[in-house]
Protein backbone atom coordinates (compact mmCIF):
# COMPACT_ATOMS: atom_id res chain seq x y z
CA MET A 1 85.75 121.48 105.82
CA VAL A 2 87.87 119.54 108.30
CA PRO A 3 87.05 119.86 111.98
CA PHE A 4 90.40 120.21 113.73
CA ARG A 5 90.36 118.51 117.07
CA ASP A 6 93.67 119.96 118.15
CA GLU A 7 95.74 122.22 115.92
CA GLY A 8 98.51 121.94 118.50
CA ASP A 9 98.98 118.27 117.65
CA PRO A 10 102.57 117.95 116.36
CA ARG A 11 101.45 115.89 113.36
CA TRP A 12 99.80 119.00 111.88
CA HIS A 13 103.13 120.81 112.04
CA ALA A 14 105.14 118.05 110.37
CA TYR A 15 106.67 117.97 106.92
CA GLY A 16 106.37 114.98 104.63
CA LEU A 17 103.59 113.09 102.92
CA TYR A 18 99.91 113.16 103.77
CA ALA A 19 96.65 111.84 102.39
CA TYR A 20 93.02 112.87 102.60
CA LEU A 21 90.61 109.99 103.11
CA ARG A 22 86.84 109.75 103.17
CA ALA A 23 85.66 110.23 106.73
CA ARG A 24 83.85 106.91 107.01
CA HIS A 25 85.30 104.80 104.19
CA PRO A 26 88.84 103.61 103.46
CA GLU A 27 89.15 105.50 100.16
CA VAL A 28 92.23 107.64 99.56
CA LEU A 29 90.99 110.84 97.91
CA TYR A 30 94.20 112.82 97.59
CA ILE A 31 97.93 112.39 98.27
CA GLY A 32 100.16 115.38 98.84
CA LYS A 33 103.49 116.50 100.18
CA ALA A 34 104.41 119.18 102.67
CA VAL A 35 107.91 120.45 101.91
CA GLY A 36 108.63 123.97 103.09
CA ARG A 37 105.08 124.24 104.49
CA THR A 38 103.51 122.12 107.20
CA ILE A 39 100.69 119.67 106.65
CA LEU A 40 98.30 122.06 108.40
CA GLN A 41 99.43 124.95 106.20
CA ARG A 42 98.89 122.83 103.08
CA LEU A 43 95.40 121.85 104.27
CA LYS A 44 94.49 125.50 104.72
CA ASP A 45 96.06 126.69 101.45
CA PRO A 46 93.51 128.41 99.18
CA ASP A 47 94.33 126.01 96.32
CA LYS A 48 92.72 123.21 98.35
CA ASN A 49 89.34 124.98 98.13
CA VAL A 50 88.96 123.76 94.55
CA LEU A 51 89.59 120.17 95.65
CA PHE A 52 87.17 120.41 98.57
CA ASN A 53 84.49 122.08 96.42
CA ASP A 54 84.89 119.39 93.75
CA LEU A 55 84.66 116.64 96.39
CA ALA A 56 81.44 118.15 97.73
CA ARG A 57 79.88 118.82 94.31
CA GLU A 58 80.95 115.73 92.39
CA ARG A 59 81.22 113.12 95.14
CA GLY A 60 78.99 114.44 97.93
CA ILE A 61 81.96 114.32 100.32
CA ARG A 62 81.91 117.09 102.90
CA SER A 63 84.30 115.79 105.55
CA ILE A 64 87.63 114.03 105.37
CA ARG A 65 90.25 112.38 107.55
CA VAL A 66 93.92 113.22 107.23
CA ILE A 67 96.71 110.70 107.63
CA VAL A 68 100.34 111.76 107.91
CA ALA A 69 103.62 110.10 107.03
CA ALA A 70 106.06 112.49 108.65
CA VAL A 71 109.59 112.44 107.33
CA GLU A 72 112.26 112.73 109.99
CA ALA A 73 115.13 115.11 109.34
CA ASN A 74 117.84 113.02 107.76
CA HIS A 75 120.64 113.79 105.35
CA ASN A 76 119.33 111.11 102.95
CA ILE A 77 115.88 112.65 102.58
CA THR A 78 115.67 115.25 99.85
CA ARG A 79 112.85 117.20 98.26
CA HIS A 80 113.32 115.05 95.16
CA LEU A 81 112.96 111.84 97.16
CA ILE A 82 109.70 113.06 98.73
CA LEU A 83 108.47 114.11 95.26
CA ASP A 84 109.33 110.67 93.87
CA ILE A 85 107.57 108.87 96.73
CA GLU A 86 104.50 111.07 96.28
CA SER A 87 104.49 110.36 92.52
CA LEU A 88 104.81 106.61 93.03
CA LEU A 89 101.99 106.57 95.58
CA ILE A 90 99.75 108.58 93.25
CA TYR A 91 100.60 106.25 90.37
CA GLU A 92 99.89 103.13 92.43
CA ILE A 93 96.81 104.26 94.39
CA ASN A 94 95.29 106.55 91.73
CA PRO A 95 93.42 108.90 94.13
CA TRP A 96 90.40 110.74 92.76
CA GLY A 97 91.78 114.19 93.66
CA ASN A 98 95.20 113.77 92.04
CA ILE A 99 94.04 113.94 88.42
CA GLN A 100 96.37 116.84 87.56
CA SER A 101 99.40 115.10 89.07
CA ARG A 102 98.74 111.92 87.10
CA GLN A 103 98.46 113.86 83.85
CA GLY A 104 101.19 116.45 84.38
CA ARG A 105 104.08 114.64 86.01
CA GLY A 106 105.61 111.26 85.40
CA ILE A 107 107.25 109.10 87.99
CA SER A 108 110.77 109.48 86.68
CA ARG A 109 113.41 112.17 86.90
CA PRO A 110 116.08 112.97 84.31
CA GLY A 111 119.37 111.37 85.21
CA LEU A 112 117.86 108.36 86.95
CA VAL A 113 118.17 104.95 85.39
């Protein structure tokens, strides 16, 4: 679905947050995180086929752009922090493809005030 211009680009091999956008419009379609797997690996994961098929069938969208917010290795950055940032972005932006995340996970964690 996505024509890779250069899979050797280091941004594909980063970890952190990413978003899929419409190819020609500034609409955020999906926000995700790459923790333990790179952004390229997440894009190619079989579970994304459902999202891409739904985008094609329901929205007529057959190509996307990917933007990356790479997270530098730092002792203050945890998996939970990335999860919280992803949740807050999904809550605020409300992307079309994040329906399950909006319904299944809140933006708070036990133990946080």
